Amino acid sequence: MDWTNFYLGAAGAAATLVGLLFIAVQFNIDAFVLEPGNRWRAVARSTFAIYTLLFVLPLFLLIPGLDHGTRGLALLLLASFGSVRAVITWLPVWRGLGHHRGERFGQTAWLLVGPLLAYAALISNALTIYFTEQADGAQIAVGLTLVGLFVIALRNSWNLLFELTYERKRNSPPPPP
C-alpha cells in the first residue's frame, strides 16, 4: 500500500495550519508573555509541538529507501519526544492550578490527556512497525492517529483564536461611559 499521497497531504496541511497558530498567537500575544504557568501559553506550545510532529513525521516517512525498522524507530523517537514535550509544557500549569482545581482542572487535563493518548498510540504502532515486516495495520493506525492529532491541533488553534479572545473580553473591565 502506498502512503505517499497521505503523507504529502498531512505535511502540507500541517505547514499551512501552523500559520493559523501564529495568527492566533499574534492576536493575543500579551496573554502568552505574562506568566510561564499560563494555560493558554501551554496550549500554544502544545499545539506547536503537535503541528511540528504532523509536519516532520510525514516528511521523514516520505524519504525513499527507508526500511520498516528505520521508519518505526523514527516514529518511536518523534512520538516519545512529543510525549515528554507535552508533559514538560503542562507542568507549570498543573503546579499553578492550586485552588482553581474545579473547572480548570478538567479543561487542563483534557488538553494534556488527548495528545498523550495519541502519542501512546503512535509509540505502540511504532514498535509494531519496527519489529514487523508487514505492518499495514499499524500503518493505518498511524494514519488515523495523525488525523486525530490534526483534530486536537485544530481545536487548540480555534480555542487560542476565539475562546481566549472571548475569555479576555469577558474578564476585562467595561469601557468608561
N, C-alpha and C. Protein backbone atom coordinates (compact mmCIF):
# COMPACT_ATOMS: atom_id res chain seq x y z
N MET A 1 0.84 -1.17 0.00
CA MET A 1 0.00 0.00 0.00
C MET A 1 0.90 1.24 0.00
N ASP A 2 0.58 2.20 -0.85
CA ASP A 2 1.38 3.42 -0.97
C ASP A 2 0.75 4.54 -0.15
N TRP A 3 1.54 5.09 0.76
CA TRP A 3 1.07 6.14 1.66
C TRP A 3 1.58 7.52 1.27
N THR A 4 2.20 7.62 0.12
CA THR A 4 2.83 8.87 -0.30
C THR A 4 1.85 10.04 -0.32
N ASN A 5 0.70 9.86 -0.95
CA ASN A 5 -0.26 10.96 -1.04
C ASN A 5 -0.76 11.39 0.33
N PHE A 6 -0.99 10.43 1.21
CA PHE A 6 -1.44 10.77 2.55
C PHE A 6 -0.39 11.60 3.28
N TYR A 7 0.86 11.15 3.23
CA TYR A 7 1.92 11.88 3.93
C TYR A 7 2.18 13.25 3.31
N LEU A 8 2.09 13.35 2.01
CA LEU A 8 2.24 14.66 1.36
C LEU A 8 1.13 15.61 1.81
N GLY A 9 -0.09 15.10 1.83
CA GLY A 9 -1.22 15.92 2.27
C GLY A 9 -1.10 16.33 3.74
N ALA A 10 -0.67 15.39 4.57
CA ALA A 10 -0.53 15.68 6.01
C ALA A 10 0.54 16.73 6.25
N ALA A 11 1.69 16.59 5.60
CA ALA A 11 2.77 17.56 5.79
C ALA A 11 2.35 18.93 5.27
N GLY A 12 1.70 18.97 4.13
CA GLY A 12 1.24 20.25 3.57
C GLY A 12 0.19 20.91 4.46
N ALA A 13 -0.75 20.12 4.96
CA ALA A 13 -1.79 20.66 5.84
C ALA A 13 -1.18 21.18 7.14
N ALA A 14 -0.24 20.44 7.70
CA ALA A 14 0.40 20.88 8.95
C ALA A 14 1.17 22.19 8.74
N ALA A 15 1.89 22.29 7.63
CA ALA A 15 2.63 23.51 7.36
C ALA A 15 1.69 24.69 7.18
N THR A 16 0.56 24.47 6.54
CA THR A 16 -0.41 25.53 6.34
C THR A 16 -1.08 25.93 7.65
N LEU A 17 -1.48 24.93 8.43
CA LEU A 17 -2.22 25.21 9.65
C LEU A 17 -1.37 25.80 10.76
N VAL A 18 -0.07 25.59 10.71
CA VAL A 18 0.77 26.24 11.71
C VAL A 18 0.68 27.75 11.55
N GLY A 19 0.37 28.22 10.35
CA GLY A 19 0.13 29.64 10.13
C GLY A 19 -1.06 30.13 10.95
N LEU A 20 -2.10 29.31 11.07
CA LEU A 20 -3.26 29.66 11.90
C LEU A 20 -2.83 29.84 13.35
N LEU A 21 -1.94 28.99 13.80
CA LEU A 21 -1.44 29.10 15.17
C LEU A 21 -0.68 30.41 15.35
N PHE A 22 0.16 30.76 14.40
CA PHE A 22 0.92 32.01 14.52
C PHE A 22 -0.01 33.22 14.54
N ILE A 23 -1.07 33.18 13.73
CA ILE A 23 -2.04 34.28 13.74
C ILE A 23 -2.75 34.34 15.09
N ALA A 24 -3.17 33.19 15.60
CA ALA A 24 -3.85 33.15 16.89
C ALA A 24 -2.97 33.70 18.00
N VAL A 25 -1.70 33.37 17.96
CA VAL A 25 -0.78 33.86 18.98
C VAL A 25 -0.59 35.37 18.84
N GLN A 26 -0.50 35.87 17.63
CA GLN A 26 -0.30 37.30 17.42
C GLN A 26 -1.47 38.14 17.91
N PHE A 27 -2.69 37.63 17.76
CA PHE A 27 -3.86 38.37 18.23
C PHE A 27 -3.86 38.56 19.74
N ASN A 28 -3.26 37.63 20.44
CA ASN A 28 -3.31 37.65 21.91
C ASN A 28 -1.92 37.52 22.52
N ILE A 29 -0.92 38.10 21.90
CA ILE A 29 0.47 37.91 22.33
C ILE A 29 0.68 38.29 23.79
N ASP A 30 0.02 39.32 24.27
CA ASP A 30 0.23 39.73 25.66
C ASP A 30 -0.28 38.69 26.65
N ALA A 31 -1.22 37.86 26.25
CA ALA A 31 -1.73 36.81 27.14
C ALA A 31 -0.72 35.69 27.33
N PHE A 32 0.24 35.56 26.43
CA PHE A 32 1.20 34.46 26.50
C PHE A 32 2.48 34.84 27.23
N VAL A 33 2.77 36.12 27.32
CA VAL A 33 4.04 36.53 27.91
C VAL A 33 3.93 36.91 29.38
N LEU A 34 2.72 36.96 29.91
CA LEU A 34 2.53 37.43 31.28
C LEU A 34 3.13 36.50 32.32
N GLU A 35 2.85 35.21 32.22
CA GLU A 35 3.32 34.27 33.23
C GLU A 35 3.61 32.91 32.60
N PRO A 36 4.67 32.23 33.02
CA PRO A 36 5.03 30.94 32.42
C PRO A 36 4.00 29.85 32.68
N GLY A 37 3.24 29.93 33.75
CA GLY A 37 2.25 28.91 34.08
C GLY A 37 0.89 29.15 33.47
N ASN A 38 0.81 30.08 32.54
CA ASN A 38 -0.44 30.42 31.88
C ASN A 38 -0.91 29.23 31.04
N ARG A 39 -2.16 28.82 31.22
CA ARG A 39 -2.65 27.65 30.47
C ARG A 39 -2.74 27.92 28.98
N TRP A 40 -3.00 29.17 28.60
CA TRP A 40 -3.07 29.48 27.17
C TRP A 40 -1.69 29.39 26.52
N ARG A 41 -0.67 29.75 27.26
CA ARG A 41 0.69 29.61 26.76
C ARG A 41 1.01 28.13 26.55
N ALA A 42 0.56 27.29 27.49
CA ALA A 42 0.77 25.85 27.37
C ALA A 42 -0.01 25.28 26.18
N VAL A 43 -1.21 25.78 25.95
CA VAL A 43 -1.99 25.34 24.79
C VAL A 43 -1.23 25.69 23.51
N ALA A 44 -0.71 26.90 23.43
CA ALA A 44 0.02 27.32 22.23
C ALA A 44 1.27 26.47 22.02
N ARG A 45 2.03 26.24 23.08
CA ARG A 45 3.25 25.42 22.96
C ARG A 45 2.92 23.98 22.58
N SER A 46 1.90 23.43 23.22
CA SER A 46 1.49 22.06 22.93
C SER A 46 1.02 21.94 21.48
N THR A 47 0.25 22.92 21.03
CA THR A 47 -0.26 22.89 19.65
C THR A 47 0.89 23.01 18.65
N PHE A 48 1.86 23.86 18.94
CA PHE A 48 3.01 23.97 18.06
C PHE A 48 3.77 22.64 17.99
N ALA A 49 3.92 21.96 19.13
CA ALA A 49 4.60 20.66 19.15
C ALA A 49 3.83 19.63 18.32
N ILE A 50 2.51 19.66 18.39
CA ILE A 50 1.69 18.73 17.59
C ILE A 50 1.87 19.03 16.11
N TYR A 51 1.77 20.31 15.73
CA TYR A 51 1.95 20.66 14.32
C TYR A 51 3.35 20.29 13.84
N THR A 52 4.35 20.45 14.68
CA THR A 52 5.71 20.08 14.30
C THR A 52 5.79 18.58 14.01
N LEU A 53 5.21 17.77 14.89
CA LEU A 53 5.20 16.32 14.65
C LEU A 53 4.43 16.00 13.38
N LEU A 54 3.29 16.68 13.18
CA LEU A 54 2.47 16.42 11.99
C LEU A 54 3.17 16.85 10.71
N PHE A 55 4.15 17.72 10.81
CA PHE A 55 4.92 18.14 9.64
C PHE A 55 6.15 17.27 9.43
N VAL A 56 6.91 17.06 10.50
CA VAL A 56 8.19 16.36 10.38
C VAL A 56 8.00 14.86 10.13
N LEU A 57 7.09 14.23 10.85
CA LEU A 57 6.92 12.77 10.70
C LEU A 57 6.56 12.37 9.27
N PRO A 58 5.55 12.97 8.64
CA PRO A 58 5.26 12.58 7.26
C PRO A 58 6.43 12.82 6.31
N LEU A 59 7.15 13.93 6.51
CA LEU A 59 8.30 14.17 5.64
C LEU A 59 9.35 13.09 5.82
N PHE A 60 9.58 12.68 7.05
CA PHE A 60 10.56 11.63 7.30
C PHE A 60 10.10 10.31 6.65
N LEU A 61 8.81 10.03 6.77
CA LEU A 61 8.30 8.78 6.21
C LEU A 61 8.26 8.79 4.69
N LEU A 62 8.42 9.95 4.08
CA LEU A 62 8.46 10.06 2.62
C LEU A 62 9.86 9.81 2.04
N ILE A 63 10.86 9.74 2.89
CA ILE A 63 12.22 9.53 2.39
C ILE A 63 12.29 8.15 1.75
N PRO A 64 12.64 8.09 0.46
CA PRO A 64 12.67 6.79 -0.23
C PRO A 64 13.78 5.89 0.31
N GLY A 65 13.52 4.63 0.29
CA GLY A 65 14.54 3.65 0.64
C GLY A 65 14.64 3.32 2.12
N LEU A 66 13.85 3.96 2.97
CA LEU A 66 13.91 3.61 4.39
C LEU A 66 13.16 2.31 4.64
N ASP A 67 13.77 1.44 5.43
CA ASP A 67 13.10 0.18 5.75
C ASP A 67 12.12 0.39 6.92
N HIS A 68 11.34 -0.66 7.19
CA HIS A 68 10.34 -0.59 8.27
C HIS A 68 10.98 -0.28 9.62
N GLY A 69 12.13 -0.86 9.87
CA GLY A 69 12.81 -0.64 11.14
C GLY A 69 13.17 0.83 11.36
N THR A 70 13.71 1.45 10.33
CA THR A 70 14.10 2.86 10.43
C THR A 70 12.87 3.75 10.59
N ARG A 71 11.83 3.45 9.83
CA ARG A 71 10.59 4.22 9.95
C ARG A 71 9.97 4.05 11.34
N GLY A 72 9.97 2.83 11.82
CA GLY A 72 9.43 2.58 13.16
C GLY A 72 10.24 3.29 14.24
N LEU A 73 11.55 3.29 14.09
CA LEU A 73 12.41 3.97 15.06
C LEU A 73 12.19 5.48 15.03
N ALA A 74 12.05 6.05 13.84
CA ALA A 74 11.79 7.49 13.73
C ALA A 74 10.45 7.84 14.38
N LEU A 75 9.45 7.03 14.12
CA LEU A 75 8.14 7.24 14.71
C LEU A 75 8.21 7.13 16.22
N LEU A 76 8.93 6.15 16.71
CA LEU A 76 9.10 5.96 18.16
C LEU A 76 9.78 7.18 18.80
N LEU A 77 10.84 7.65 18.19
CA LEU A 77 11.57 8.80 18.74
C LEU A 77 10.73 10.07 18.71
N LEU A 78 10.05 10.32 17.60
CA LEU A 78 9.24 11.54 17.50
C LEU A 78 8.06 11.51 18.46
N ALA A 79 7.40 10.38 18.58
CA ALA A 79 6.26 10.27 19.49
C ALA A 79 6.72 10.35 20.95
N SER A 80 7.85 9.75 21.25
CA SER A 80 8.39 9.85 22.62
C SER A 80 8.77 11.29 22.95
N PHE A 81 9.40 11.96 22.00
CA PHE A 81 9.75 13.37 22.21
C PHE A 81 8.48 14.19 22.41
N GLY A 82 7.44 13.92 21.62
CA GLY A 82 6.18 14.64 21.76
C GLY A 82 5.56 14.42 23.13
N SER A 83 5.62 13.20 23.63
CA SER A 83 5.07 12.89 24.96
C SER A 83 5.80 13.67 26.05
N VAL A 84 7.12 13.61 26.00
CA VAL A 84 7.93 14.32 27.01
C VAL A 84 7.68 15.82 26.91
N ARG A 85 7.63 16.33 25.70
CA ARG A 85 7.41 17.76 25.48
C ARG A 85 6.04 18.18 26.03
N ALA A 86 5.03 17.36 25.83
CA ALA A 86 3.68 17.68 26.33
C ALA A 86 3.68 17.78 27.85
N VAL A 87 4.31 16.82 28.50
CA VAL A 87 4.34 16.84 29.97
C VAL A 87 5.12 18.05 30.48
N ILE A 88 6.27 18.32 29.88
CA ILE A 88 7.08 19.48 30.30
C ILE A 88 6.31 20.78 30.09
N THR A 89 5.58 20.88 29.00
CA THR A 89 4.81 22.09 28.69
C THR A 89 3.73 22.33 29.73
N TRP A 90 3.08 21.26 30.18
CA TRP A 90 1.94 21.41 31.08
C TRP A 90 2.30 21.42 32.55
N LEU A 91 3.53 21.05 32.92
CA LEU A 91 3.91 21.04 34.34
C LEU A 91 3.71 22.40 35.04
N PRO A 92 4.15 23.52 34.47
CA PRO A 92 3.92 24.80 35.16
C PRO A 92 2.43 25.10 35.36
N VAL A 93 1.61 24.68 34.42
CA VAL A 93 0.17 24.92 34.54
C VAL A 93 -0.41 24.09 35.68
N TRP A 94 0.00 22.82 35.76
CA TRP A 94 -0.51 21.94 36.81
C TRP A 94 -0.07 22.44 38.18
N ARG A 95 1.16 22.92 38.26
CA ARG A 95 1.63 23.46 39.54
C ARG A 95 0.84 24.70 39.94
N GLY A 96 0.46 25.51 38.97
CA GLY A 96 -0.23 26.75 39.24
C GLY A 96 -1.73 26.63 39.46
N LEU A 97 -2.27 25.43 39.26
CA LEU A 97 -3.72 25.28 39.43
C LEU A 97 -4.15 25.52 40.88
N GLY A 98 -3.38 25.01 41.81
CA GLY A 98 -3.64 25.23 43.24
C GLY A 98 -5.09 25.21 43.62
N HIS A 99 -5.63 26.35 43.96
CA HIS A 99 -7.01 26.44 44.44
C HIS A 99 -8.03 26.51 43.31
N HIS A 100 -7.61 26.52 42.06
CA HIS A 100 -8.52 26.55 40.91
C HIS A 100 -8.76 25.15 40.35
N ARG A 101 -8.76 24.15 41.17
CA ARG A 101 -8.81 22.76 40.69
C ARG A 101 -10.14 22.37 40.04
N GLY A 102 -11.22 23.03 40.30
CA GLY A 102 -12.54 22.65 39.81
C GLY A 102 -12.65 22.53 38.31
N GLU A 103 -13.24 23.53 37.69
CA GLU A 103 -13.50 23.53 36.26
C GLU A 103 -12.20 23.54 35.46
N ARG A 104 -11.24 24.32 35.85
CA ARG A 104 -9.97 24.44 35.12
C ARG A 104 -9.21 23.11 35.10
N PHE A 105 -9.33 22.34 36.17
CA PHE A 105 -8.63 21.06 36.23
C PHE A 105 -9.10 20.15 35.10
N GLY A 106 -10.41 20.05 34.93
CA GLY A 106 -10.96 19.21 33.87
C GLY A 106 -10.55 19.68 32.48
N GLN A 107 -10.62 20.99 32.26
CA GLN A 107 -10.23 21.55 30.97
C GLN A 107 -8.75 21.30 30.69
N THR A 108 -7.94 21.53 31.70
CA THR A 108 -6.50 21.37 31.54
C THR A 108 -6.12 19.91 31.37
N ALA A 109 -6.77 19.03 32.11
CA ALA A 109 -6.47 17.60 31.99
C ALA A 109 -6.76 17.11 30.58
N TRP A 110 -7.87 17.54 30.01
CA TRP A 110 -8.22 17.09 28.66
C TRP A 110 -7.19 17.57 27.64
N LEU A 111 -6.68 18.79 27.82
CA LEU A 111 -5.70 19.34 26.89
C LEU A 111 -4.38 18.57 26.92
N LEU A 112 -4.10 17.90 28.02
CA LEU A 112 -2.90 17.08 28.12
C LEU A 112 -3.19 15.62 27.76
N VAL A 113 -4.33 15.10 28.20
CA VAL A 113 -4.64 13.69 28.00
C VAL A 113 -4.82 13.34 26.53
N GLY A 114 -5.50 14.18 25.77
CA GLY A 114 -5.73 13.89 24.35
C GLY A 114 -4.44 13.65 23.59
N PRO A 115 -3.50 14.61 23.62
CA PRO A 115 -2.23 14.37 22.92
C PRO A 115 -1.45 13.17 23.48
N LEU A 116 -1.47 12.98 24.80
CA LEU A 116 -0.73 11.85 25.37
C LEU A 116 -1.29 10.51 24.89
N LEU A 117 -2.60 10.42 24.76
CA LEU A 117 -3.20 9.19 24.22
C LEU A 117 -2.77 8.97 22.77
N ALA A 118 -2.74 10.05 22.00
CA ALA A 118 -2.30 9.93 20.61
C ALA A 118 -0.83 9.53 20.52
N TYR A 119 0.00 10.13 21.37
CA TYR A 119 1.42 9.76 21.37
C TYR A 119 1.61 8.31 21.80
N ALA A 120 0.82 7.85 22.77
CA ALA A 120 0.91 6.45 23.20
C ALA A 120 0.54 5.52 22.05
N ALA A 121 -0.50 5.88 21.29
CA ALA A 121 -0.88 5.06 20.13
C ALA A 121 0.24 5.05 19.10
N LEU A 122 0.86 6.20 18.87
CA LEU A 122 1.97 6.25 17.91
C LEU A 122 3.15 5.39 18.38
N ILE A 123 3.45 5.45 19.67
CA ILE A 123 4.55 4.64 20.21
C ILE A 123 4.25 3.15 20.05
N SER A 124 3.03 2.75 20.37
CA SER A 124 2.64 1.34 20.23
C SER A 124 2.76 0.88 18.78
N ASN A 125 2.27 1.69 17.87
CA ASN A 125 2.35 1.32 16.45
C ASN A 125 3.77 1.42 15.91
N ALA A 126 4.57 2.31 16.46
CA ALA A 126 5.98 2.40 16.06
C ALA A 126 6.70 1.10 16.39
N LEU A 127 6.40 0.54 17.55
CA LEU A 127 7.03 -0.73 17.93
C LEU A 127 6.59 -1.86 17.00
N THR A 128 5.32 -1.84 16.62
CA THR A 128 4.83 -2.85 15.68
C THR A 128 5.54 -2.71 14.34
N ILE A 129 5.66 -1.49 13.85
CA ILE A 129 6.33 -1.26 12.57
C ILE A 129 7.80 -1.64 12.66
N TYR A 130 8.43 -1.33 13.78
CA TYR A 130 9.85 -1.62 13.95
C TYR A 130 10.13 -3.13 13.95
N PHE A 131 9.27 -3.90 14.62
CA PHE A 131 9.53 -5.33 14.78
C PHE A 131 8.85 -6.21 13.75
N THR A 132 8.03 -5.65 12.86
CA THR A 132 7.26 -6.47 11.91
C THR A 132 7.54 -6.01 10.48
N GLU A 133 7.73 -6.94 9.60
CA GLU A 133 7.94 -6.61 8.19
C GLU A 133 6.64 -6.13 7.54
N GLN A 134 5.56 -6.85 7.77
CA GLN A 134 4.26 -6.49 7.22
C GLN A 134 3.45 -5.79 8.30
N ALA A 135 3.46 -4.49 8.30
CA ALA A 135 2.80 -3.72 9.36
C ALA A 135 1.73 -2.81 8.79
N ASP A 136 0.94 -3.32 7.84
CA ASP A 136 -0.09 -2.49 7.22
C ASP A 136 -1.12 -2.00 8.23
N GLY A 137 -1.51 -2.86 9.17
CA GLY A 137 -2.49 -2.45 10.19
C GLY A 137 -1.95 -1.33 11.06
N ALA A 138 -0.68 -1.43 11.42
CA ALA A 138 -0.06 -0.38 12.24
C ALA A 138 0.05 0.91 11.43
N GLN A 139 0.33 0.78 10.16
CA GLN A 139 0.43 1.97 9.30
C GLN A 139 -0.92 2.68 9.21
N ILE A 140 -1.99 1.93 9.10
CA ILE A 140 -3.34 2.51 9.08
C ILE A 140 -3.62 3.19 10.42
N ALA A 141 -3.24 2.54 11.50
CA ALA A 141 -3.45 3.12 12.83
C ALA A 141 -2.66 4.42 12.99
N VAL A 142 -1.44 4.47 12.46
CA VAL A 142 -0.65 5.70 12.50
C VAL A 142 -1.37 6.79 11.71
N GLY A 143 -1.87 6.46 10.55
CA GLY A 143 -2.61 7.44 9.75
C GLY A 143 -3.82 7.98 10.50
N LEU A 144 -4.58 7.10 11.13
CA LEU A 144 -5.75 7.53 11.89
C LEU A 144 -5.35 8.38 13.10
N THR A 145 -4.24 8.02 13.73
CA THR A 145 -3.76 8.81 14.87
C THR A 145 -3.32 10.20 14.42
N LEU A 146 -2.68 10.30 13.27
CA LEU A 146 -2.30 11.61 12.75
C LEU A 146 -3.55 12.46 12.48
N VAL A 147 -4.59 11.85 11.98
CA VAL A 147 -5.85 12.57 11.78
C VAL A 147 -6.39 13.05 13.13
N GLY A 148 -6.31 12.19 14.15
CA GLY A 148 -6.73 12.59 15.50
C GLY A 148 -5.91 13.75 16.04
N LEU A 149 -4.61 13.74 15.78
CA LEU A 149 -3.76 14.85 16.21
C LEU A 149 -4.13 16.14 15.48
N PHE A 150 -4.52 16.03 14.21
CA PHE A 150 -4.99 17.20 13.49
C PHE A 150 -6.24 17.78 14.16
N VAL A 151 -7.14 16.91 14.57
CA VAL A 151 -8.36 17.37 15.24
C VAL A 151 -8.01 18.11 16.53
N ILE A 152 -7.10 17.54 17.30
CA ILE A 152 -6.67 18.18 18.56
C ILE A 152 -6.02 19.53 18.28
N ALA A 153 -5.13 19.57 17.31
CA ALA A 153 -4.43 20.83 17.00
C ALA A 153 -5.38 21.88 16.46
N LEU A 154 -6.34 21.48 15.65
CA LEU A 154 -7.32 22.44 15.15
C LEU A 154 -8.21 22.97 16.27
N ARG A 155 -8.61 22.09 17.18
CA ARG A 155 -9.40 22.53 18.33
C ARG A 155 -8.60 23.51 19.18
N ASN A 156 -7.34 23.21 19.42
CA ASN A 156 -6.49 24.11 20.20
C ASN A 156 -6.33 25.46 19.49
N SER A 157 -6.12 25.43 18.18
CA SER A 157 -5.96 26.67 17.42
C SER A 157 -7.23 27.50 17.49
N TRP A 158 -8.37 26.85 17.37
CA TRP A 158 -9.65 27.55 17.50
C TRP A 158 -9.77 28.19 18.88
N ASN A 159 -9.44 27.43 19.91
CA ASN A 159 -9.52 27.97 21.27
C ASN A 159 -8.58 29.15 21.46
N LEU A 160 -7.40 29.08 20.88
CA LEU A 160 -6.45 30.19 21.01
C LEU A 160 -6.92 31.43 20.25
N LEU A 161 -7.61 31.22 19.17
CA LEU A 161 -8.06 32.35 18.36
C LEU A 161 -9.35 32.96 18.89
N PHE A 162 -10.31 32.13 19.27
CA PHE A 162 -11.63 32.65 19.63
C PHE A 162 -11.94 32.57 21.11
N GLU A 163 -11.70 31.43 21.72
CA GLU A 163 -12.06 31.27 23.13
C GLU A 163 -11.21 32.15 24.03
N LEU A 164 -9.92 32.24 23.75
CA LEU A 164 -9.05 33.11 24.54
C LEU A 164 -9.49 34.57 24.41
N THR A 165 -9.78 34.99 23.19
CA THR A 165 -10.23 36.37 22.97
C THR A 165 -11.54 36.63 23.71
N TYR A 166 -12.48 35.68 23.64
CA TYR A 166 -13.75 35.82 24.34
C TYR A 166 -13.53 35.89 25.85
N GLU A 167 -12.68 35.01 26.37
CA GLU A 167 -12.39 35.00 27.81
C GLU A 167 -11.77 36.32 28.26
N ARG A 168 -10.86 36.84 27.47
CA ARG A 168 -10.21 38.11 27.83
C ARG A 168 -11.19 39.28 27.79
N LYS A 169 -12.09 39.29 26.79
CA LYS A 169 -13.07 40.36 26.72
C LYS A 169 -14.08 40.25 27.85
N ARG A 170 -14.46 39.06 28.22
CA ARG A 170 -15.42 38.83 29.30
C ARG A 170 -14.82 39.27 30.64
N ASN A 171 -13.53 39.07 30.84
CA ASN A 171 -12.87 39.40 32.09
C ASN A 171 -12.33 40.82 32.15
N SER A 172 -12.35 41.54 31.05
CA SER A 172 -11.82 42.90 31.07
C SER A 172 -12.87 43.86 31.64
N PRO A 173 -12.41 44.93 32.24
CA PRO A 173 -13.37 45.90 32.79
C PRO A 173 -14.13 46.59 31.67
N PRO A 174 -15.38 46.98 31.93
CA PRO A 174 -16.15 47.65 30.90
C PRO A 174 -15.54 49.02 30.57
N PRO A 175 -15.72 49.46 29.34
CA PRO A 175 -15.15 50.77 28.97
C PRO A 175 -15.86 51.87 29.75
N PRO A 176 -15.15 52.94 30.05
CA PRO A 176 -15.77 54.05 30.79
C PRO A 176 -16.85 54.71 29.95
N PRO A 177 -17.91 55.20 30.60
CA PRO A 177 -19.01 55.83 29.84
C PRO A 177 -18.63 57.17 29.25
